[in-house]
Amino acid sequence: MTHPEQIKTHIQNGLECDFVEVKGDGHHFEAVIVSSAFRGKSKVQQHQLVYRALGDRMREEIHALSMRTLTPEEWGK
Protein backbone atom coordinates (compact mmCIF):
# COMPACT_ATOMS: atom_id res chain seq x y z
CA MET A 1 0.00 0.00 0.00
CA THR A 2 1.22 3.48 -0.85
CA HIS A 3 1.33 6.02 1.96
CA PRO A 4 0.79 9.78 1.59
CA GLU A 5 4.32 10.46 2.85
CA GLN A 6 5.76 8.34 0.01
CA ILE A 7 3.86 10.34 -2.60
CA LYS A 8 5.01 13.58 -0.98
CA THR A 9 8.63 12.42 -1.17
CA HIS A 10 8.31 11.43 -4.84
CA ILE A 11 6.81 14.80 -5.74
CA GLN A 12 9.54 16.67 -3.86
CA ASN A 13 12.26 14.57 -5.51
CA GLY A 14 10.91 15.22 -9.00
CA LEU A 15 9.81 18.85 -8.73
CA GLU A 16 11.22 21.83 -6.85
CA CYS A 17 8.49 22.68 -4.34
CA ASP A 18 7.97 25.32 -1.69
CA PHE A 19 5.27 23.27 0.02
CA VAL A 20 3.71 19.83 -0.41
CA GLU A 21 0.95 18.23 1.62
CA VAL A 22 -0.55 14.85 0.75
CA LYS A 23 -3.44 13.12 2.49
CA GLY A 24 -5.08 9.84 1.61
CA ASP A 25 -6.22 6.34 2.46
CA GLY A 26 -3.69 4.31 0.49
CA HIS A 27 -5.65 4.35 -2.77
CA HIS A 28 -7.16 7.83 -3.11
CA PHE A 29 -5.07 10.90 -2.37
CA GLU A 30 -5.39 14.67 -2.17
CA ALA A 31 -2.38 16.95 -2.57
CA VAL A 32 -1.61 20.64 -2.25
CA ILE A 33 1.56 21.52 -4.15
CA VAL A 34 3.21 24.94 -4.27
CA SER A 35 6.01 25.42 -6.79
CA SER A 36 7.59 28.29 -8.69
CA ALA A 37 7.76 25.87 -11.65
CA PHE A 38 4.00 26.45 -12.05
CA ARG A 39 4.44 30.13 -12.95
CA GLY A 40 3.04 30.95 -16.39
CA LYS A 41 1.58 27.47 -16.86
CA SER A 42 -2.05 26.40 -17.17
CA LYS A 43 -3.54 24.08 -14.56
CA VAL A 44 -3.25 21.19 -17.03
CA GLN A 45 0.46 21.92 -17.54
CA GLN A 46 0.97 22.20 -13.78
CA HIS A 47 -0.67 18.83 -13.22
CA GLN A 48 1.45 17.32 -16.00
CA LEU A 49 4.57 18.45 -14.12
CA VAL A 50 3.34 16.62 -11.03
CA TYR A 51 2.44 13.50 -13.04
CA ARG A 52 5.91 13.58 -14.58
CA ALA A 53 7.46 13.78 -11.10
CA LEU A 54 5.45 10.74 -10.02
CA GLY A 55 6.24 8.79 -13.19
CA ASP A 56 4.98 5.22 -13.40
CA ARG A 57 3.60 5.40 -9.87
CA MET A 58 0.49 7.09 -11.30
CA ARG A 59 -0.32 3.92 -13.23
CA GLU A 60 0.94 1.33 -10.80
CA GLU A 61 0.51 2.58 -7.23
CA ILE A 62 -1.80 5.58 -7.17
CA HIS A 63 -5.41 4.97 -8.15
CA ALA A 64 -6.66 8.54 -7.74
CA LEU A 65 -4.90 11.82 -7.04
CA SER A 66 -6.78 15.07 -6.63
CA MET A 67 -4.43 18.02 -6.55
CA ARG A 68 -4.44 21.73 -5.96
CA THR A 69 -1.43 23.32 -7.64
CA LEU A 70 -0.38 26.87 -6.81
CA THR A 71 2.46 29.28 -7.46
CA PRO A 72 4.11 30.79 -4.34
CA GLU A 73 2.26 34.05 -5.10
CA GLU A 74 -1.13 32.30 -5.22
CA TRP A 75 -0.31 30.40 -2.02
CA GLY A 76 0.54 33.64 -0.22
CA LYS A 77 -2.89 35.16 -0.82
PDB file of N, CA and C in Angstrom:
ATOM      1  N   MET A   1       0.843  -1.176   0.000  1.00  0.00           N
ATOM      2  CA  MET A   1       0.000   0.000   0.000  1.00  0.00           C
ATOM      3  C   MET A   1       0.893   1.247   0.000  1.00  0.00           C
ATOM      4  N   THR A   2       0.494   2.224  -0.760  1.00  0.00           N
ATOM      5  CA  THR A   2       1.218   3.477  -0.845  1.00  0.00           C
ATOM      6  C   THR A   2       0.726   4.422   0.242  1.00  0.00           C
ATOM      7  N   HIS A   3       1.659   5.084   0.899  1.00  0.00           N
ATOM      8  CA  HIS A   3       1.330   6.023   1.964  1.00  0.00           C
ATOM      9  C   HIS A   3       1.484   7.452   1.470  1.00  0.00           C
ATOM     10  N   PRO A   4       0.697   8.383   2.013  1.00  0.00           N
ATOM     11  CA  PRO A   4       0.793   9.776   1.592  1.00  0.00           C
ATOM     12  C   PRO A   4       2.210  10.337   1.662  1.00  0.00           C
ATOM     13  N   GLU A   5       2.957   9.954   2.690  1.00  0.00           N
ATOM     14  CA  GLU A   5       4.323  10.458   2.845  1.00  0.00           C
ATOM     15  C   GLU A   5       5.225  10.020   1.684  1.00  0.00           C
ATOM     16  N   GLN A   6       4.987   8.821   1.162  1.00  0.00           N
ATOM     17  CA  GLN A   6       5.765   8.340   0.009  1.00  0.00           C
ATOM     18  C   GLN A   6       5.484   9.193  -1.228  1.00  0.00           C
ATOM     19  N   ILE A   7       4.228   9.516  -1.451  1.00  0.00           N
ATOM     20  CA  ILE A   7       3.864  10.338  -2.604  1.00  0.00           C
ATOM     21  C   ILE A   7       4.484  11.723  -2.454  1.00  0.00           C
ATOM     22  N   LYS A   8       4.409  12.271  -1.254  1.00  0.00           N
ATOM     23  CA  LYS A   8       5.013  13.578  -0.984  1.00  0.00           C
ATOM     24  C   LYS A   8       6.500  13.559  -1.330  1.00  0.00           C
ATOM     25  N   THR A   9       7.196  12.537  -0.901  1.00  0.00           N
ATOM     26  CA  THR A   9       8.631  12.421  -1.173  1.00  0.00           C
ATOM     27  C   THR A   9       8.905  12.337  -2.667  1.00  0.00           C
ATOM     28  N   HIS A  10       8.127  11.563  -3.392  1.00  0.00           N
ATOM     29  CA  HIS A  10       8.314  11.430  -4.836  1.00  0.00           C
ATOM     30  C   HIS A  10       8.086  12.759  -5.549  1.00  0.00           C
ATOM     31  N   ILE A  11       7.072  13.492  -5.128  1.00  0.00           N
ATOM     32  CA  ILE A  11       6.809  14.802  -5.739  1.00  0.00           C
ATOM     33  C   ILE A  11       7.971  15.741  -5.465  1.00  0.00           C
ATOM     34  N   GLN A  12       8.430  15.782  -4.224  1.00  0.00           N
ATOM     35  CA  GLN A  12       9.536  16.669  -3.859  1.00  0.00           C
ATOM     36  C   GLN A  12      10.839  16.291  -4.565  1.00  0.00           C
ATOM     37  N   ASN A  13      11.045  15.014  -4.810  1.00  0.00           N
ATOM     38  CA  ASN A  13      12.262  14.575  -5.511  1.00  0.00           C
ATOM     39  C   ASN A  13      12.228  14.903  -6.996  1.00  0.00           C
ATOM     40  N   GLY A  14      11.025  15.004  -7.562  1.00  0.00           N
ATOM     41  CA  GLY A  14      10.909  15.224  -8.998  1.00  0.00           C
ATOM     42  C   GLY A  14      10.556  16.634  -9.414  1.00  0.00           C
ATOM     43  N   LEU A  15      10.260  17.495  -8.420  1.00  0.00           N
ATOM     44  CA  LEU A  15       9.807  18.850  -8.726  1.00  0.00           C
ATOM     45  C   LEU A  15      10.212  19.761  -7.575  1.00  0.00           C
ATOM     46  N   GLU A  16      10.832  20.879  -7.901  1.00  0.00           N
ATOM     47  CA  GLU A  16      11.216  21.826  -6.854  1.00  0.00           C
ATOM     48  C   GLU A  16       9.956  22.455  -6.276  1.00  0.00           C
ATOM     49  N   CYS A  17       9.735  22.232  -4.987  1.00  0.00           N
ATOM     50  CA  CYS A  17       8.494  22.678  -4.343  1.00  0.00           C
ATOM     51  C   CYS A  17       8.793  23.549  -3.131  1.00  0.00           C
ATOM     52  N   ASP A  18       7.906  24.514  -2.907  1.00  0.00           N
ATOM     53  CA  ASP A  18       7.970  25.322  -1.695  1.00  0.00           C
ATOM     54  C   ASP A  18       7.167  24.674  -0.572  1.00  0.00           C
ATOM     55  N   PHE A  19       6.141  23.912  -0.961  1.00  0.00           N
ATOM     56  CA  PHE A  19       5.269  23.273   0.022  1.00  0.00           C
ATOM     57  C   PHE A  19       4.567  22.102  -0.650  1.00  0.00           C
ATOM     58  N   VAL A  20       4.479  20.985   0.066  1.00  0.00           N
ATOM     59  CA  VAL A  20       3.707  19.828  -0.413  1.00  0.00           C
ATOM     60  C   VAL A  20       3.010  19.199   0.784  1.00  0.00           C
ATOM     61  N   GLU A  21       1.725  18.955   0.611  1.00  0.00           N
ATOM     62  CA  GLU A  21       0.951  18.230   1.624  1.00  0.00           C
ATOM     63  C   GLU A  21       0.130  17.180   0.892  1.00  0.00           C
ATOM     64  N   VAL A  22       0.210  15.939   1.368  1.00  0.00           N
ATOM     65  CA  VAL A  22      -0.548  14.851   0.745  1.00  0.00           C
ATOM     66  C   VAL A  22      -1.308  14.118   1.835  1.00  0.00           C
ATOM     67  N   LYS A  23      -2.581  13.891   1.582  1.00  0.00           N
ATOM     68  CA  LYS A  23      -3.437  13.115   2.488  1.00  0.00           C
ATOM     69  C   LYS A  23      -4.082  12.011   1.670  1.00  0.00           C
ATOM     70  N   GLY A  24      -4.403  10.901   2.327  1.00  0.00           N
ATOM     71  CA  GLY A  24      -5.078   9.836   1.606  1.00  0.00           C
ATOM     72  C   GLY A  24      -5.210   8.569   2.400  1.00  0.00           C
ATOM     73  N   ASP A  25      -5.904   7.606   1.790  1.00  0.00           N
ATOM     74  CA  ASP A  25      -6.216   6.345   2.457  1.00  0.00           C
ATOM     75  C   ASP A  25      -5.440   5.157   1.913  1.00  0.00           C
ATOM     76  N   GLY A  26      -4.442   5.414   1.075  1.00  0.00           N
ATOM     77  CA  GLY A  26      -3.686   4.313   0.488  1.00  0.00           C
ATOM     78  C   GLY A  26      -4.046   4.051  -0.959  1.00  0.00           C
ATOM     79  N   HIS A  27      -5.212   4.515  -1.381  1.00  0.00           N
ATOM     80  CA  HIS A  27      -5.647   4.352  -2.770  1.00  0.00           C
ATOM     81  C   HIS A  27      -6.035   5.682  -3.400  1.00  0.00           C
ATOM     82  N   HIS A  28      -6.704   6.522  -2.636  1.00  0.00           N
ATOM     83  CA  HIS A  28      -7.159   7.829  -3.108  1.00  0.00           C
ATOM     84  C   HIS A  28      -6.432   8.910  -2.307  1.00  0.00           C
ATOM     85  N   PHE A  29      -5.886   9.886  -3.016  1.00  0.00           N
ATOM     86  CA  PHE A  29      -5.066  10.895  -2.367  1.00  0.00           C
ATOM     87  C   PHE A  29      -5.474  12.299  -2.791  1.00  0.00           C
ATOM     88  N   GLU A  30      -5.203  13.247  -1.899  1.00  0.00           N
ATOM     89  CA  GLU A  30      -5.394  14.669  -2.173  1.00  0.00           C
ATOM     90  C   GLU A  30      -4.070  15.355  -1.878  1.00  0.00           C
ATOM     91  N   ALA A  31      -3.652  16.257  -2.760  1.00  0.00           N
ATOM     92  CA  ALA A  31      -2.380  16.945  -2.572  1.00  0.00           C
ATOM     93  C   ALA A  31      -2.536  18.442  -2.803  1.00  0.00           C
ATOM     94  N   VAL A  32      -1.791  19.213  -2.023  1.00  0.00           N
ATOM     95  CA  VAL A  32      -1.609  20.643  -2.248  1.00  0.00           C
ATOM     96  C   VAL A  32      -0.126  20.815  -2.549  1.00  0.00           C
ATOM     97  N   ILE A  33       0.171  21.399  -3.712  1.00  0.00           N
ATOM     98  CA  ILE A  33       1.560  21.525  -4.149  1.00  0.00           C
ATOM     99  C   ILE A  33       1.811  22.971  -4.556  1.00  0.00           C
ATOM    100  N   VAL A  34       2.839  23.569  -3.962  1.00  0.00           N
ATOM    101  CA  VAL A  34       3.214  24.944  -4.271  1.00  0.00           C
ATOM    102  C   VAL A  34       4.607  24.905  -4.885  1.00  0.00           C
ATOM    103  N   SER A  35       4.722  25.448  -6.099  1.00  0.00           N
ATOM    104  CA  SER A  35       6.006  25.422  -6.791  1.00  0.00           C
ATOM    105  C   SER A  35       6.141  26.625  -7.714  1.00  0.00           C
ATOM    106  N   SER A  36       7.332  27.204  -7.756  1.00  0.00           N
ATOM    107  CA  SER A  36       7.595  28.292  -8.693  1.00  0.00           C
ATOM    108  C   SER A  36       7.620  27.774 -10.129  1.00  0.00           C
ATOM    109  N   ALA A  37       7.775  26.477 -10.303  1.00  0.00           N
ATOM    110  CA  ALA A  37       7.756  25.869 -11.646  1.00  0.00           C
ATOM    111  C   ALA A  37       6.388  26.007 -12.299  1.00  0.00           C
ATOM    112  N   PHE A  38       5.361  26.309 -11.520  1.00  0.00           N
ATOM    113  CA  PHE A  38       4.005  26.453 -12.049  1.00  0.00           C
ATOM    114  C   PHE A  38       3.742  27.828 -12.664  1.00  0.00           C
ATOM    115  N   ARG A  39       4.644  28.768 -12.430  1.00  0.00           N
ATOM    116  CA  ARG A  39       4.441  30.134 -12.952  1.00  0.00           C
ATOM    117  C   ARG A  39       4.291  30.118 -14.469  1.00  0.00           C
ATOM    118  N   GLY A  40       3.258  30.815 -14.954  1.00  0.00           N
ATOM    119  CA  GLY A  40       3.037  30.948 -16.385  1.00  0.00           C
ATOM    120  C   GLY A  40       2.474  29.715 -17.062  1.00  0.00           C
ATOM    121  N   LYS A  41       2.114  28.704 -16.289  1.00  0.00           N
ATOM    122  CA  LYS A  41       1.582  27.465 -16.861  1.00  0.00           C
ATOM    123  C   LYS A  41       0.098  27.337 -16.530  1.00  0.00           C
ATOM    124  N   SER A  42      -0.639  26.691 -17.432  1.00  0.00           N
ATOM    125  CA  SER A  42      -2.051  26.403 -17.170  1.00  0.00           C
ATOM    126  C   SER A  42      -2.147  25.310 -16.100  1.00  0.00           C
ATOM    127  N   LYS A  43      -3.335  25.137 -15.558  1.00  0.00           N
ATOM    128  CA  LYS A  43      -3.536  24.077 -14.556  1.00  0.00           C
ATOM    129  C   LYS A  43      -3.204  22.707 -15.141  1.00  0.00           C
ATOM    130  N   VAL A  44      -3.567  22.477 -16.387  1.00  0.00           N
ATOM    131  CA  VAL A  44      -3.255  21.194 -17.031  1.00  0.00           C
ATOM    132  C   VAL A  44      -1.736  20.997 -17.085  1.00  0.00           C
ATOM    133  N   GLN A  45      -1.005  22.020 -17.477  1.00  0.00           N
ATOM    134  CA  GLN A  45       0.456  21.923 -17.543  1.00  0.00           C
ATOM    135  C   GLN A  45       1.056  21.721 -16.151  1.00  0.00           C
ATOM    136  N   GLN A  46       0.485  22.384 -15.152  1.00  0.00           N
ATOM    137  CA  GLN A  46       0.968  22.205 -13.778  1.00  0.00           C
ATOM    138  C   GLN A  46       0.781  20.765 -13.324  1.00  0.00           C
ATOM    139  N   HIS A  47      -0.393  20.218 -13.607  1.00  0.00           N
ATOM    140  CA  HIS A  47      -0.672  18.831 -13.220  1.00  0.00           C
ATOM    141  C   HIS A  47       0.234  17.870 -13.973  1.00  0.00           C
ATOM    142  N   GLN A  48       0.531  18.168 -15.221  1.00  0.00           N
ATOM    143  CA  GLN A  48       1.447  17.324 -15.997  1.00  0.00           C
ATOM    144  C   GLN A  48       2.832  17.296 -15.361  1.00  0.00           C
ATOM    145  N   LEU A  49       3.280  18.421 -14.812  1.00  0.00           N
ATOM    146  CA  LEU A  49       4.571  18.447 -14.120  1.00  0.00           C
ATOM    147  C   LEU A  49       4.562  17.513 -12.913  1.00  0.00           C
ATOM    148  N   VAL A  50       3.450  17.504 -12.188  1.00  0.00           N
ATOM    149  CA  VAL A  50       3.341  16.619 -11.027  1.00  0.00           C
ATOM    150  C   VAL A  50       3.299  15.159 -11.477  1.00  0.00           C
ATOM    151  N   TYR A  51       2.508  14.871 -12.521  1.00  0.00           N
ATOM    152  CA  TYR A  51       2.443  13.499 -13.038  1.00  0.00           C
ATOM    153  C   TYR A  51       3.823  13.030 -13.498  1.00  0.00           C
ATOM    154  N   ARG A  52       4.564  13.922 -14.133  1.00  0.00           N
ATOM    155  CA  ARG A  52       5.913  13.579 -14.585  1.00  0.00           C
ATOM    156  C   ARG A  52       6.810  13.263 -13.388  1.00  0.00           C
ATOM    157  N   ALA A  53       6.672  14.037 -12.310  1.00  0.00           N
ATOM    158  CA  ALA A  53       7.464  13.783 -11.099  1.00  0.00           C
ATOM    159  C   ALA A  53       7.129  12.425 -10.488  1.00  0.00           C
ATOM    160  N   LEU A  54       5.868  12.025 -10.589  1.00  0.00           N
ATOM    161  CA  LEU A  54       5.447  10.741 -10.024  1.00  0.00           C
ATOM    162  C   LEU A  54       5.739   9.565 -10.949  1.00  0.00           C
ATOM    163  N   GLY A  55       5.892   9.832 -12.225  1.00  0.00           N
ATOM    164  CA  GLY A  55       6.245   8.793 -13.193  1.00  0.00           C
ATOM    165  C   GLY A  55       5.260   7.636 -13.223  1.00  0.00           C
ATOM    166  N   ASP A  56       5.790   6.432 -13.284  1.00  0.00           N
ATOM    167  CA  ASP A  56       4.977   5.218 -13.396  1.00  0.00           C
ATOM    168  C   ASP A  56       4.104   4.956 -12.175  1.00  0.00           C
ATOM    169  N   ARG A  57       4.401   5.606 -11.078  1.00  0.00           N
ATOM    170  CA  ARG A  57       3.599   5.400  -9.870  1.00  0.00           C
ATOM    171  C   ARG A  57       2.133   5.752 -10.106  1.00  0.00           C
ATOM    172  N   MET A  58       1.882   6.700 -11.012  1.00  0.00           N
ATOM    173  CA  MET A  58       0.490   7.087 -11.303  1.00  0.00           C
ATOM    174  C   MET A  58      -0.293   5.927 -11.905  1.00  0.00           C
ATOM    175  N   ARG A  59       0.368   5.069 -12.627  1.00  0.00           N
ATOM    176  CA  ARG A  59      -0.319   3.919 -13.230  1.00  0.00           C
ATOM    177  C   ARG A  59      -0.313   2.707 -12.306  1.00  0.00           C
ATOM    178  N   GLU A  60       0.747   2.567 -11.544  1.00  0.00           N
ATOM    179  CA  GLU A  60       0.942   1.325 -10.802  1.00  0.00           C
ATOM    180  C   GLU A  60       0.522   1.382  -9.332  1.00  0.00           C
ATOM    181  N   GLU A  61       0.733   2.522  -8.673  1.00  0.00           N
ATOM    182  CA  GLU A  61       0.514   2.583  -7.229  1.00  0.00           C
ATOM    183  C   GLU A  61      -0.620   3.506  -6.805  1.00  0.00           C
ATOM    184  N   ILE A  62      -0.843   4.560  -7.564  1.00  0.00           N
ATOM    185  CA  ILE A  62      -1.805   5.583  -7.168  1.00  0.00           C
ATOM    186  C   ILE A  62      -3.051   5.448  -8.033  1.00  0.00           C
ATOM    187  N   HIS A  63      -4.175   5.174  -7.398  1.00  0.00           N
ATOM    188  CA  HIS A  63      -5.410   4.968  -8.149  1.00  0.00           C
ATOM    189  C   HIS A  63      -6.122   6.288  -8.452  1.00  0.00           C
ATOM    190  N   ALA A  64      -6.020   7.242  -7.528  1.00  0.00           N
ATOM    191  CA  ALA A  64      -6.658   8.538  -7.739  1.00  0.00           C
ATOM    192  C   ALA A  64      -5.881   9.607  -6.984  1.00  0.00           C
ATOM    193  N   LEU A  65      -5.608  10.703  -7.663  1.00  0.00           N
ATOM    194  CA  LEU A  65      -4.902  11.820  -7.045  1.00  0.00           C
ATOM    195  C   LEU A  65      -5.609  13.118  -7.428  1.00  0.00           C
ATOM    196  N   SER A  66      -6.183  13.751  -6.444  1.00  0.00           N
ATOM    197  CA  SER A  66      -6.781  15.069  -6.628  1.00  0.00           C
ATOM    198  C   SER A  66      -5.749  16.074  -6.149  1.00  0.00           C
ATOM    199  N   MET A  67      -5.457  17.078  -6.969  1.00  0.00           N
ATOM    200  CA  MET A  67      -4.430  18.016  -6.546  1.00  0.00           C
ATOM    201  C   MET A  67      -4.829  19.464  -6.758  1.00  0.00           C
ATOM    202  N   ARG A  68      -4.313  20.265  -5.879  1.00  0.00           N
ATOM    203  CA  ARG A  68      -4.444  21.725  -5.965  1.00  0.00           C
ATOM    204  C   ARG A  68      -3.031  22.244  -6.163  1.00  0.00           C
ATOM    205  N   THR A  69      -2.761  22.812  -7.323  1.00  0.00           N
ATOM    206  CA  THR A  69      -1.426  23.322  -7.637  1.00  0.00           C
ATOM    207  C   THR A  69      -1.456  24.844  -7.612  1.00  0.00           C
ATOM    208  N   LEU A  70      -0.437  25.418  -6.975  1.00  0.00           N
ATOM    209  CA  LEU A  70      -0.381  26.865  -6.809  1.00  0.00           C
ATOM    210  C   LEU A  70       1.048  27.370  -6.972  1.00  0.00           C
ATOM    211  N   THR A  71       1.161  28.604  -7.459  1.00  0.00           N
ATOM    212  CA  THR A  71       2.465  29.281  -7.455  1.00  0.00           C
ATOM    213  C   THR A  71       2.663  29.832  -6.030  1.00  0.00           C
ATOM    214  N   PRO A  72       3.892  30.194  -5.676  1.00  0.00           N
ATOM    215  CA  PRO A  72       4.105  30.786  -4.341  1.00  0.00           C
ATOM    216  C   PRO A  72       3.257  32.050  -4.139  1.00  0.00           C
ATOM    217  N   GLU A  73       3.056  32.829  -5.209  1.00  0.00           N
ATOM    218  CA  GLU A  73       2.258  34.049  -5.098  1.00  0.00           C
ATOM    219  C   GLU A  73       0.787  33.723  -4.795  1.00  0.00           C
ATOM    220  N   GLU A  74       0.253  32.708  -5.469  1.00  0.00           N
ATOM    221  CA  GLU A  74      -1.129  32.295  -5.218  1.00  0.00           C
ATOM    222  C   GLU A  74      -1.280  31.748  -3.803  1.00  0.00           C
ATOM    223  N   TRP A  75      -0.288  31.010  -3.355  1.00  0.00           N
ATOM    224  CA  TRP A  75      -0.307  30.398  -2.023  1.00  0.00           C
ATOM    225  C   TRP A  75      -0.294  31.476  -0.941  1.00  0.00           C
ATOM    226  N   GLY A  76       0.415  32.586  -1.198  1.00  0.00           N
ATOM    227  CA  GLY A  76       0.541  33.642  -0.219  1.00  0.00           C
ATOM    228  C   GLY A  76      -0.711  34.483  -0.021  1.00  0.00           C
ATOM    229  N   LYS A  77      -1.662  34.350  -0.905  1.00  0.00           N
ATOM    230  CA  LYS A  77      -2.892  35.158  -0.819  1.00  0.00           C
ATOM    231  C   LYS A  77      -3.868  34.597   0.184  1.00  0.00           C
TER     232      LYS A  77
END
